[in-house]
Amino acid sequence: MNSNNLFLVHTGTIIEDDYLTLEQLCNACSVHADWLINLVEEGIIEPDGKESATWRFSGACLVRVRSALNLERDLGVNMAGIALALDLLEELDRLRTQLKTSRHA
């Protein structure tokens, strides 16, 4: 993924066709690799690949990492809390989408 695509992701467009390496994800989010590895170990993000050297992260992972970073930085939430909060936020979004769909049917 080149820097133009990273800008698009930052402004809200998720590019699912491109994948980021661990280093690219670190650079895109301005975090250390150890922090991202902790997110993987906690199940907060799931890379493609078996070893960190071959991991590839989707645009959805990028969005989750940025949300996790905001939760930690702004609210002081720990890793377990980040995992729970992100899962609940995704569930809320899914339910809102389902509600909108049922209202238009």
PDB file of N, CA and C in Angstrom:
ATOM      1  N   MET A   1       0.863  -1.162   0.000  1.00  0.00           N
ATOM      2  CA  MET A   1       0.000   0.000   0.000  1.00  0.00           C
ATOM      3  C   MET A   1       0.909   1.224   0.000  1.00  0.00           C
ATOM      4  N   ASN A   2       0.678   2.133  -0.905  1.00  0.00           N
ATOM      5  CA  ASN A   2       1.527   3.330  -0.963  1.00  0.00           C
ATOM      6  C   ASN A   2       0.949   4.439  -0.092  1.00  0.00           C
ATOM      7  N   SER A   3       1.701   5.541   0.004  1.00  0.00           N
ATOM      8  CA  SER A   3       1.281   6.619   0.901  1.00  0.00           C
ATOM      9  C   SER A   3      -0.042   7.250   0.478  1.00  0.00           C
ATOM     10  N   ASN A   4      -0.354   7.250  -0.823  1.00  0.00           N
ATOM     11  CA  ASN A   4      -1.641   7.794  -1.266  1.00  0.00           C
ATOM     12  C   ASN A   4      -2.792   6.972  -0.707  1.00  0.00           C
ATOM     13  N   ASN A   5      -2.644   5.649  -0.706  1.00  0.00           N
ATOM     14  CA  ASN A   5      -3.687   4.787  -0.163  1.00  0.00           C
ATOM     15  C   ASN A   5      -3.829   4.976   1.337  1.00  0.00           C
ATOM     16  N   LEU A   6      -2.718   5.190   2.044  1.00  0.00           N
ATOM     17  CA  LEU A   6      -2.793   5.417   3.485  1.00  0.00           C
ATOM     18  C   LEU A   6      -3.572   6.685   3.770  1.00  0.00           C
ATOM     19  N   PHE A   7      -3.399   7.711   2.948  1.00  0.00           N
ATOM     20  CA  PHE A   7      -4.160   8.939   3.123  1.00  0.00           C
ATOM     21  C   PHE A   7      -5.644   8.657   2.934  1.00  0.00           C
ATOM     22  N   LEU A   8      -5.985   7.847   1.932  1.00  0.00           N
ATOM     23  CA  LEU A   8      -7.385   7.517   1.696  1.00  0.00           C
ATOM     24  C   LEU A   8      -7.974   6.775   2.888  1.00  0.00           C
ATOM     25  N   VAL A   9      -7.221   5.869   3.462  1.00  0.00           N
ATOM     26  CA  VAL A   9      -7.706   5.148   4.629  1.00  0.00           C
ATOM     27  C   VAL A   9      -7.916   6.111   5.784  1.00  0.00           C
ATOM     28  N   HIS A  10      -6.990   7.028   5.948  1.00  0.00           N
ATOM     29  CA  HIS A  10      -7.078   7.993   7.042  1.00  0.00           C
ATOM     30  C   HIS A  10      -8.335   8.849   6.929  1.00  0.00           C
ATOM     31  N   THR A  11      -8.773   9.141   5.719  1.00  0.00           N
ATOM     32  CA  THR A  11      -9.944   9.986   5.549  1.00  0.00           C
ATOM     33  C   THR A  11     -11.235   9.184   5.499  1.00  0.00           C
ATOM     34  N   GLY A  12     -11.147   7.864   5.651  1.00  0.00           N
ATOM     35  CA  GLY A  12     -12.362   7.083   5.778  1.00  0.00           C
ATOM     36  C   GLY A  12     -12.578   6.022   4.730  1.00  0.00           C
ATOM     37  N   THR A  13     -11.767   5.926   3.732  1.00  0.00           N
ATOM     38  CA  THR A  13     -11.921   4.905   2.720  1.00  0.00           C
ATOM     39  C   THR A  13     -11.053   3.712   3.088  1.00  0.00           C
ATOM     40  N   ILE A  14     -11.676   2.562   3.279  1.00  0.00           N
ATOM     41  CA  ILE A  14     -10.914   1.365   3.610  1.00  0.00           C
ATOM     42  C   ILE A  14     -10.591   0.633   2.318  1.00  0.00           C
ATOM     43  N   ILE A  15      -9.323   0.383   2.121  1.00  0.00           N
ATOM     44  CA  ILE A  15      -8.863  -0.328   0.931  1.00  0.00           C
ATOM     45  C   ILE A  15      -8.665  -1.786   1.325  1.00  0.00           C
ATOM     46  N   GLU A  16      -9.577  -2.658   0.952  1.00  0.00           N
ATOM     47  CA  GLU A  16      -9.469  -4.066   1.330  1.00  0.00           C
ATOM     48  C   GLU A  16      -8.610  -4.863   0.360  1.00  0.00           C
ATOM     49  N   ASP A  17      -8.333  -4.344  -0.816  1.00  0.00           N
ATOM     50  CA  ASP A  17      -7.521  -5.074  -1.776  1.00  0.00           C
ATOM     51  C   ASP A  17      -6.046  -5.022  -1.435  1.00  0.00           C
ATOM     52  N   ASP A  18      -5.624  -4.029  -0.699  1.00  0.00           N
ATOM     53  CA  ASP A  18      -4.229  -3.871  -0.312  1.00  0.00           C
ATOM     54  C   ASP A  18      -4.049  -4.292   1.139  1.00  0.00           C
ATOM     55  N   TYR A  19      -2.875  -4.805   1.415  1.00  0.00           N
ATOM     56  CA  TYR A  19      -2.547  -5.214   2.778  1.00  0.00           C
ATOM     57  C   TYR A  19      -1.289  -4.519   3.237  1.00  0.00           C
ATOM     58  N   LEU A  20      -1.200  -4.291   4.534  1.00  0.00           N
ATOM     59  CA  LEU A  20      -0.050  -3.638   5.139  1.00  0.00           C
ATOM     60  C   LEU A  20       0.822  -4.665   5.844  1.00  0.00           C
ATOM     61  N   THR A  21       2.125  -4.461   5.782  1.00  0.00           N
ATOM     62  CA  THR A  21       3.042  -5.249   6.589  1.00  0.00           C
ATOM     63  C   THR A  21       2.999  -4.711   8.012  1.00  0.00           C
ATOM     64  N   LEU A  22       3.653  -5.414   8.915  1.00  0.00           N
ATOM     65  CA  LEU A  22       3.735  -4.944  10.298  1.00  0.00           C
ATOM     66  C   LEU A  22       4.404  -3.575  10.344  1.00  0.00           C
ATOM     67  N   GLU A  23       5.482  -3.417   9.605  1.00  0.00           N
ATOM     68  CA  GLU A  23       6.197  -2.134   9.585  1.00  0.00           C
ATOM     69  C   GLU A  23       5.324  -1.013   9.022  1.00  0.00           C
ATOM     70  N   GLN A  24       4.603  -1.279   7.955  1.00  0.00           N
ATOM     71  CA  GLN A  24       3.735  -0.263   7.371  1.00  0.00           C
ATOM     72  C   GLN A  24       2.614   0.128   8.324  1.00  0.00           C
ATOM     73  N   LEU A  25       2.059  -0.856   9.027  1.00  0.00           N
ATOM     74  CA  LEU A  25       1.001  -0.560   9.988  1.00  0.00           C
ATOM     75  C   LEU A  25       1.541   0.264  11.150  1.00  0.00           C
ATOM     76  N   CYS A  26       2.752  -0.075  11.599  1.00  0.00           N
ATOM     77  CA  CYS A  26       3.400   0.723  12.651  1.00  0.00           C
ATOM     78  C   CYS A  26       3.552   2.169  12.209  1.00  0.00           C
ATOM     79  N   ASN A  27       4.026   2.366  10.992  1.00  0.00           N
ATOM     80  CA  ASN A  27       4.222   3.719  10.463  1.00  0.00           C
ATOM     81  C   ASN A  27       2.897   4.452  10.283  1.00  0.00           C
ATOM     82  N   ALA A  28       1.887   3.758   9.793  1.00  0.00           N
ATOM     83  CA  ALA A  28       0.586   4.387   9.546  1.00  0.00           C
ATOM     84  C   ALA A  28      -0.076   4.856  10.838  1.00  0.00           C
ATOM     85  N   CYS A  29       0.206   4.141  11.945  1.00  0.00           N
ATOM     86  CA  CYS A  29      -0.431   4.468  13.224  1.00  0.00           C
ATOM     87  C   CYS A  29       0.519   5.109  14.222  1.00  0.00           C
ATOM     88  N   SER A  30       1.777   5.259  13.836  1.00  0.00           N
ATOM     89  CA  SER A  30       2.809   5.836  14.718  1.00  0.00           C
ATOM     90  C   SER A  30       2.900   5.099  16.049  1.00  0.00           C
ATOM     91  N   VAL A  31       2.993   3.773  15.961  1.00  0.00           N
ATOM     92  CA  VAL A  31       3.131   2.936  17.155  1.00  0.00           C
ATOM     93  C   VAL A  31       4.303   1.981  16.975  1.00  0.00           C
ATOM     94  N   HIS A  32       4.751   1.398  18.083  1.00  0.00           N
ATOM     95  CA  HIS A  32       5.828   0.413  18.053  1.00  0.00           C
ATOM     96  C   HIS A  32       5.266  -0.964  17.716  1.00  0.00           C
ATOM     97  N   ALA A  33       6.100  -1.787  17.113  1.00  0.00           N
ATOM     98  CA  ALA A  33       5.693  -3.138  16.733  1.00  0.00           C
ATOM     99  C   ALA A  33       5.237  -3.944  17.946  1.00  0.00           C
ATOM    100  N   ASP A  34       5.887  -3.763  19.091  1.00  0.00           N
ATOM    101  CA  ASP A  34       5.506  -4.510  20.298  1.00  0.00           C
ATOM    102  C   ASP A  34       4.047  -4.258  20.680  1.00  0.00           C
ATOM    103  N   TRP A  35       3.598  -3.024  20.515  1.00  0.00           N
ATOM    104  CA  TRP A  35       2.215  -2.689  20.854  1.00  0.00           C
ATOM    105  C   TRP A  35       1.252  -3.418  19.910  1.00  0.00           C
ATOM    106  N   LEU A  36       1.598  -3.446  18.613  1.00  0.00           N
ATOM    107  CA  LEU A  36       0.749  -4.152  17.648  1.00  0.00           C
ATOM    108  C   LEU A  36       0.760  -5.652  17.904  1.00  0.00           C
ATOM    109  N   ILE A  37       1.915  -6.178  18.270  1.00  0.00           N
ATOM    110  CA  ILE A  37       1.998  -7.604  18.582  1.00  0.00           C
ATOM    111  C   ILE A  37       1.097  -7.925  19.771  1.00  0.00           C
ATOM    112  N   ASN A  38       1.033  -7.036  20.751  1.00  0.00           N
ATOM    113  CA  ASN A  38       0.108  -7.227  21.875  1.00  0.00           C
ATOM    114  C   ASN A  38      -1.342  -7.250  21.409  1.00  0.00           C
ATOM    115  N   LEU A  39      -1.679  -6.396  20.443  1.00  0.00           N
ATOM    116  CA  LEU A  39      -3.044  -6.396  19.899  1.00  0.00           C
ATOM    117  C   LEU A  39      -3.361  -7.731  19.231  1.00  0.00           C
ATOM    118  N   VAL A  40      -2.382  -8.274  18.517  1.00  0.00           N
ATOM    119  CA  VAL A  40      -2.561  -9.578  17.866  1.00  0.00           C
ATOM    120  C   VAL A  40      -2.728 -10.661  18.925  1.00  0.00           C
ATOM    121  N   GLU A  41      -1.887 -10.647  19.942  1.00  0.00           N
ATOM    122  CA  GLU A  41      -1.945 -11.657  21.002  1.00  0.00           C
ATOM    123  C   GLU A  41      -3.266 -11.606  21.764  1.00  0.00           C
ATOM    124  N   GLU A  42      -3.841 -10.417  21.909  1.00  0.00           N
ATOM    125  CA  GLU A  42      -5.127 -10.259  22.591  1.00  0.00           C
ATOM    126  C   GLU A  42      -6.310 -10.569  21.675  1.00  0.00           C
ATOM    127  N   GLY A  43      -6.048 -10.806  20.389  1.00  0.00           N
ATOM    128  CA  GLY A  43      -7.118 -11.095  19.446  1.00  0.00           C
ATOM    129  C   GLY A  43      -7.863  -9.863  18.972  1.00  0.00           C
ATOM    130  N   ILE A  44      -7.288  -8.700  19.195  1.00  0.00           N
ATOM    131  CA  ILE A  44      -7.932  -7.451  18.802  1.00  0.00           C
ATOM    132  C   ILE A  44      -7.844  -7.253  17.293  1.00  0.00           C
ATOM    133  N   ILE A  45      -6.713  -7.633  16.714  1.00  0.00           N
ATOM    134  CA  ILE A  45      -6.552  -7.649  15.262  1.00  0.00           C
ATOM    135  C   ILE A  45      -6.027  -9.014  14.864  1.00  0.00           C
ATOM    136  N   GLU A  46      -6.373  -9.438  13.653  1.00  0.00           N
ATOM    137  CA  GLU A  46      -5.959 -10.752  13.173  1.00  0.00           C
ATOM    138  C   GLU A  46      -5.290 -10.599  11.812  1.00  0.00           C
ATOM    139  N   PRO A  47      -3.971 -10.749  11.787  1.00  0.00           N
ATOM    140  CA  PRO A  47      -3.262 -10.635  10.513  1.00  0.00           C
ATOM    141  C   PRO A  47      -3.371 -11.926   9.709  1.00  0.00           C
ATOM    142  N   ASP A  48      -3.156 -11.799   8.418  1.00  0.00           N
ATOM    143  CA  ASP A  48      -2.961 -12.972   7.580  1.00  0.00           C
ATOM    144  C   ASP A  48      -1.495 -13.345   7.700  1.00  0.00           C
ATOM    145  N   GLY A  49      -1.200 -14.624   7.807  1.00  0.00           N
ATOM    146  CA  GLY A  49       0.174 -15.088   7.952  1.00  0.00           C
ATOM    147  C   GLY A  49       0.398 -15.692   9.320  1.00  0.00           C
ATOM    148  N   LYS A  50       1.374 -16.595   9.397  1.00  0.00           N
ATOM    149  CA  LYS A  50       1.615 -17.322  10.645  1.00  0.00           C
ATOM    150  C   LYS A  50       2.667 -16.674  11.520  1.00  0.00           C
ATOM    151  N   GLU A  51       3.650 -16.020  10.943  1.00  0.00           N
ATOM    152  CA  GLU A  51       4.732 -15.404  11.709  1.00  0.00           C
ATOM    153  C   GLU A  51       4.743 -13.908  11.452  1.00  0.00           C
ATOM    154  N   SER A  52       5.239 -13.155  12.424  1.00  0.00           N
ATOM    155  CA  SER A  52       5.207 -11.694  12.311  1.00  0.00           C
ATOM    156  C   SER A  52       5.927 -11.186  11.066  1.00  0.00           C
ATOM    157  N   ALA A  53       6.919 -11.907  10.594  1.00  0.00           N
ATOM    158  CA  ALA A  53       7.646 -11.482   9.389  1.00  0.00           C
ATOM    159  C   ALA A  53       6.778 -11.572   8.135  1.00  0.00           C
ATOM    160  N   THR A  54       5.753 -12.416   8.177  1.00  0.00           N
ATOM    161  CA  THR A  54       4.897 -12.585   6.996  1.00  0.00           C
ATOM    162  C   THR A  54       3.485 -12.041   7.204  1.00  0.00           C
ATOM    163  N   TRP A  55       3.241 -11.430   8.367  1.00  0.00           N
ATOM    164  CA  TRP A  55       1.909 -10.891   8.635  1.00  0.00           C
ATOM    165  C   TRP A  55       1.532  -9.831   7.619  1.00  0.00           C
ATOM    166  N   ARG A  56       0.256  -9.823   7.244  1.00  0.00           N
ATOM    167  CA  ARG A  56      -0.333  -8.787   6.408  1.00  0.00           C
ATOM    168  C   ARG A  56      -1.634  -8.366   7.067  1.00  0.00           C
ATOM    169  N   PHE A  57      -1.849  -7.050   7.138  1.00  0.00           N
ATOM    170  CA  PHE A  57      -3.003  -6.494   7.833  1.00  0.00           C
ATOM    171  C   PHE A  57      -3.929  -5.804   6.842  1.00  0.00           C
ATOM    172  N   SER A  58      -5.208  -6.020   6.998  1.00  0.00           N
ATOM    173  CA  SER A  58      -6.219  -5.418   6.122  1.00  0.00           C
ATOM    174  C   SER A  58      -6.513  -3.984   6.536  1.00  0.00           C
ATOM    175  N   GLY A  59      -7.288  -3.315   5.709  1.00  0.00           N
ATOM    176  CA  GLY A  59      -7.739  -1.967   6.042  1.00  0.00           C
ATOM    177  C   GLY A  59      -8.588  -1.958   7.301  1.00  0.00           C
ATOM    178  N   ALA A  60      -9.358  -3.019   7.516  1.00  0.00           N
ATOM    179  CA  ALA A  60     -10.173  -3.121   8.731  1.00  0.00           C
ATOM    180  C   ALA A  60      -9.285  -3.183   9.971  1.00  0.00           C
ATOM    181  N   CYS A  61      -8.134  -3.859   9.864  1.00  0.00           N
ATOM    182  CA  CYS A  61      -7.183  -3.899  10.985  1.00  0.00           C
ATOM    183  C   CYS A  61      -6.658  -2.499  11.280  1.00  0.00           C
ATOM    184  N   LEU A  62      -6.378  -1.753  10.230  1.00  0.00           N
ATOM    185  CA  LEU A  62      -5.896  -0.384  10.411  1.00  0.00           C
ATOM    186  C   LEU A  62      -6.910   0.445  11.193  1.00  0.00           C
ATOM    187  N   VAL A  63      -8.171   0.323  10.850  1.00  0.00           N
ATOM    188  CA  VAL A  63      -9.227   1.056  11.546  1.00  0.00           C
ATOM    189  C   VAL A  63      -9.297   0.617  13.006  1.00  0.00           C
ATOM    190  N   ARG A  64      -9.212  -0.686  13.265  1.00  0.00           N
ATOM    191  CA  ARG A  64      -9.259  -1.192  14.649  1.00  0.00           C
ATOM    192  C   ARG A  64      -8.058  -0.713  15.453  1.00  0.00           C
ATOM    193  N   VAL A  65      -6.877  -0.698  14.832  1.00  0.00           N
ATOM    194  CA  VAL A  65      -5.683  -0.237  15.541  1.00  0.00           C
ATOM    195  C   VAL A  65      -5.830   1.228  15.927  1.00  0.00           C
ATOM    196  N   ARG A  66      -6.300   2.037  15.014  1.00  0.00           N
ATOM    197  CA  ARG A  66      -6.479   3.461  15.330  1.00  0.00           C
ATOM    198  C   ARG A  66      -7.517   3.663  16.421  1.00  0.00           C
ATOM    199  N   SER A  67      -8.579   2.877  16.390  1.00  0.00           N
ATOM    200  CA  SER A  67      -9.594   2.959  17.451  1.00  0.00           C
ATOM    201  C   SER A  67      -9.003   2.503  18.780  1.00  0.00           C
ATOM    202  N   ALA A  68      -8.231   1.434  18.759  1.00  0.00           N
ATOM    203  CA  ALA A  68      -7.583   0.933  19.975  1.00  0.00           C
ATOM    204  C   ALA A  68      -6.634   1.975  20.548  1.00  0.00           C
ATOM    205  N   LEU A  69      -5.907   2.609  19.674  1.00  0.00           N
ATOM    206  CA  LEU A  69      -4.967   3.645  20.103  1.00  0.00           C
ATOM    207  C   LEU A  69      -5.707   4.797  20.774  1.00  0.00           C
ATOM    208  N   ASN A  70      -6.831   5.203  20.204  1.00  0.00           N
ATOM    209  CA  ASN A  70      -7.636   6.273  20.803  1.00  0.00           C
ATOM    210  C   ASN A  70      -8.190   5.863  22.165  1.00  0.00           C
ATOM    211  N   LEU A  71      -8.650   4.636  22.277  1.00  0.00           N
ATOM    212  CA  LEU A  71      -9.175   4.161  23.561  1.00  0.00           C
ATOM    213  C   LEU A  71      -8.098   4.161  24.633  1.00  0.00           C
ATOM    214  N   GLU A  72      -6.905   3.709  24.273  1.00  0.00           N
ATOM    215  CA  GLU A  72      -5.813   3.676  25.243  1.00  0.00           C
ATOM    216  C   GLU A  72      -5.344   5.078  25.605  1.00  0.00           C
ATOM    217  N   ARG A  73      -5.120   5.887  24.587  1.00  0.00           N
ATOM    218  CA  ARG A  73      -4.577   7.224  24.813  1.00  0.00           C
ATOM    219  C   ARG A  73      -5.575   8.161  25.485  1.00  0.00           C
ATOM    220  N   ASP A  74      -6.791   8.202  24.987  1.00  0.00           N
ATOM    221  CA  ASP A  74      -7.768   9.175  25.470  1.00  0.00           C
ATOM    222  C   ASP A  74      -8.488   8.747  26.744  1.00  0.00           C
ATOM    223  N   LEU A  75      -8.695   7.436  26.908  1.00  0.00           N
ATOM    224  CA  LEU A  75      -9.482   6.963  28.043  1.00  0.00           C
ATOM    225  C   LEU A  75      -8.696   6.090  29.010  1.00  0.00           C
ATOM    226  N   GLY A  76      -7.456   5.742  28.653  1.00  0.00           N
ATOM    227  CA  GLY A  76      -6.649   4.905  29.530  1.00  0.00           C
ATOM    228  C   GLY A  76      -7.120   3.469  29.624  1.00  0.00           C
ATOM    229  N   VAL A  77      -7.792   2.979  28.581  1.00  0.00           N
ATOM    230  CA  VAL A  77      -8.331   1.620  28.578  1.00  0.00           C
ATOM    231  C   VAL A  77      -7.190   0.627  28.351  1.00  0.00           C
ATOM    232  N   ASN A  78      -7.200  -0.481  29.113  1.00  0.00           N
ATOM    233  CA  ASN A  78      -6.169  -1.507  28.939  1.00  0.00           C
ATOM    234  C   ASN A  78      -6.532  -2.432  27.775  1.00  0.00           C
ATOM    235  N   MET A  79      -5.649  -3.386  27.464  1.00  0.00           N
ATOM    236  CA  MET A  79      -5.841  -4.256  26.293  1.00  0.00           C
ATOM    237  C   MET A  79      -7.143  -5.047  26.366  1.00  0.00           C
ATOM    238  N   ALA A  80      -7.452  -5.620  27.525  1.00  0.00           N
ATOM    239  CA  ALA A  80      -8.694  -6.390  27.660  1.00  0.00           C
ATOM    240  C   ALA A  80      -9.908  -5.479  27.447  1.00  0.00           C
ATOM    241  N   GLY A  81      -9.844  -4.276  27.978  1.00  0.00           N
ATOM    242  CA  GLY A  81     -10.931  -3.313  27.794  1.00  0.00           C
ATOM    243  C   GLY A  81     -11.067  -2.863  26.351  1.00  0.00           C
ATOM    244  N   ILE A  82      -9.924  -2.706  25.685  1.00  0.00           N
ATOM    245  CA  ILE A  82      -9.942  -2.333  24.262  1.00  0.00           C
ATOM    246  C   ILE A  82     -10.648  -3.416  23.454  1.00  0.00           C
ATOM    247  N   ALA A  83     -10.292  -4.671  23.711  1.00  0.00           N
ATOM    248  CA  ALA A  83     -10.914  -5.786  22.981  1.00  0.00           C
ATOM    249  C   ALA A  83     -12.422  -5.786  23.184  1.00  0.00           C
ATOM    250  N   LEU A  84     -12.850  -5.633  24.418  1.00  0.00           N
ATOM    251  CA  LEU A  84     -14.283  -5.624  24.733  1.00  0.00           C
ATOM    252  C   LEU A  84     -14.976  -4.425  24.090  1.00  0.00           C
ATOM    253  N   ALA A  85     -14.393  -3.245  24.226  1.00  0.00           N
ATOM    254  CA  ALA A  85     -15.008  -2.028  23.679  1.00  0.00           C
ATOM    255  C   ALA A  85     -15.144  -2.111  22.167  1.00  0.00           C
ATOM    256  N   LEU A  86     -14.109  -2.572  21.484  1.00  0.00           N
ATOM    257  CA  LEU A  86     -14.175  -2.662  20.022  1.00  0.00           C
ATOM    258  C   LEU A  86     -15.207  -3.690  19.571  1.00  0.00           C
ATOM    259  N   ASP A  87     -15.278  -4.818  20.267  1.00  0.00           N
ATOM    260  CA  ASP A  87     -16.296  -5.821  19.927  1.00  0.00           C
ATOM    261  C   ASP A  87     -17.704  -5.267  20.135  1.00  0.00           C
ATOM    262  N   LEU A  88     -17.907  -4.545  21.228  1.00  0.00           N
ATOM    263  CA  LEU A  88     -19.224  -3.960  21.491  1.00  0.00           C
ATOM    264  C   LEU A  88     -19.578  -2.873  20.484  1.00  0.00           C
ATOM    265  N   LEU A  89     -18.607  -2.054  20.106  1.00  0.00           N
ATOM    266  CA  LEU A  89     -18.850  -1.018  19.101  1.00  0.00           C
ATOM    267  C   LEU A  89     -19.208  -1.633  17.748  1.00  0.00           C
ATOM    268  N   GLU A  90     -18.519  -2.706  17.378  1.00  0.00           N
ATOM    269  CA  GLU A  90     -18.835  -3.384  16.117  1.00  0.00           C
ATOM    270  C   GLU A  90     -20.224  -4.017  16.163  1.00  0.00           C
ATOM    271  N   GLU A  91     -20.579  -4.599  17.299  1.00  0.00           N
ATOM    272  CA  GLU A  91     -21.906  -5.188  17.454  1.00  0.00           C
ATOM    273  C   GLU A  91     -22.985  -4.107  17.370  1.00  0.00           C
ATOM    274  N   LEU A  92     -22.742  -2.972  17.996  1.00  0.00           N
ATOM    275  CA  LEU A  92     -23.684  -1.857  17.938  1.00  0.00           C
ATOM    276  C   LEU A  92     -23.859  -1.383  16.494  1.00  0.00           C
ATOM    277  N   ASP A  93     -22.776  -1.280  15.767  1.00  0.00           N
ATOM    278  CA  ASP A  93     -22.839  -0.866  14.367  1.00  0.00           C
ATOM    279  C   ASP A  93     -23.617  -1.884  13.534  1.00  0.00           C
ATOM    280  N   ARG A  94     -23.362  -3.173  13.788  1.00  0.00           N
ATOM    281  CA  ARG A  94     -24.085  -4.224  13.066  1.00  0.00           C
ATOM    282  C   ARG A  94     -25.579  -4.159  13.348  1.00  0.00           C
ATOM    283  N   LEU A  95     -25.935  -3.939  14.614  1.00  0.00           N
ATOM    284  CA  LEU A  95     -27.354  -3.851  14.977  1.00  0.00           C
ATOM    285  C   LEU A  95     -28.026  -2.621  14.370  1.00  0.00           C
ATOM    286  N   ARG A  96     -27.313  -1.510  14.324  1.00  0.00           N
ATOM    287  CA  ARG A  96     -27.867  -0.300  13.692  1.00  0.00           C
ATOM    288  C   ARG A  96     -28.108  -0.530  12.209  1.00  0.00           C
ATOM    289  N   THR A  97     -27.170  -1.196  11.549  1.00  0.00           N
ATOM    290  CA  THR A  97     -27.329  -1.504  10.126  1.00  0.00           C
ATOM    291  C   THR A  97     -28.518  -2.428   9.921  1.00  0.00           C
ATOM    292  N   GLN A  98     -28.658  -3.433  10.777  1.00  0.00           N
ATOM    293  CA  GLN A  98     -29.773  -4.359  10.699  1.00  0.00           C
ATOM    294  C   GLN A  98     -31.101  -3.633  10.909  1.00  0.00           C
ATOM    295  N   LEU A  99     -31.129  -2.703  11.844  1.00  0.00           N
ATOM    296  CA  LEU A  99     -32.334  -1.932  12.113  1.00  0.00           C
ATOM    297  C   LEU A  99     -32.712  -1.064  10.914  1.00  0.00           C
ATOM    298  N   LYS A 100     -31.732  -0.403  10.321  1.00  0.00           N
ATOM    299  CA  LYS A 100     -32.001   0.400   9.131  1.00  0.00           C
ATOM    300  C   LYS A 100     -32.548  -0.447   7.997  1.00  0.00           C
ATOM    301  N   THR A 101     -31.972  -1.631   7.818  1.00  0.00           N
ATOM    302  CA  THR A 101     -32.410  -2.533   6.755  1.00  0.00           C
ATOM    303  C   THR A 101     -33.836  -2.981   6.986  1.00  0.00           C
ATOM    304  N   SER A 102     -34.171  -3.313   8.220  1.00  0.00           N
ATOM    305  CA  SER A 102     -35.531  -3.777   8.507  1.00  0.00           C
ATOM    306  C   SER A 102     -36.565  -2.657   8.376  1.00  0.00           C
ATOM    307  N   ARG A 103     -36.164  -1.424   8.631  1.00  0.00           N
ATOM    308  CA  ARG A 103     -37.100  -0.296   8.496  1.00  0.00           C
ATOM    309  C   ARG A 103     -37.412  -0.002   7.028  1.00  0.00           C
ATOM    310  N   HIS A 104     -36.449  -0.294   6.140  1.00  0.00           N
ATOM    311  CA  HIS A 104     -36.633  -0.001   4.713  1.00  0.00           C
ATOM    312  C   HIS A 104     -37.275  -1.167   3.979  1.00  0.00           C
ATOM    313  N   ALA A 105     -37.494  -2.285   4.641  1.00  0.00           N
ATOM    314  CA  ALA A 105     -38.075  -3.458   3.992  1.00  0.00           C
ATOM    315  C   ALA A 105     -39.579  -3.436   4.007  1.00  0.00           C
TER     316      ALA A 105
END
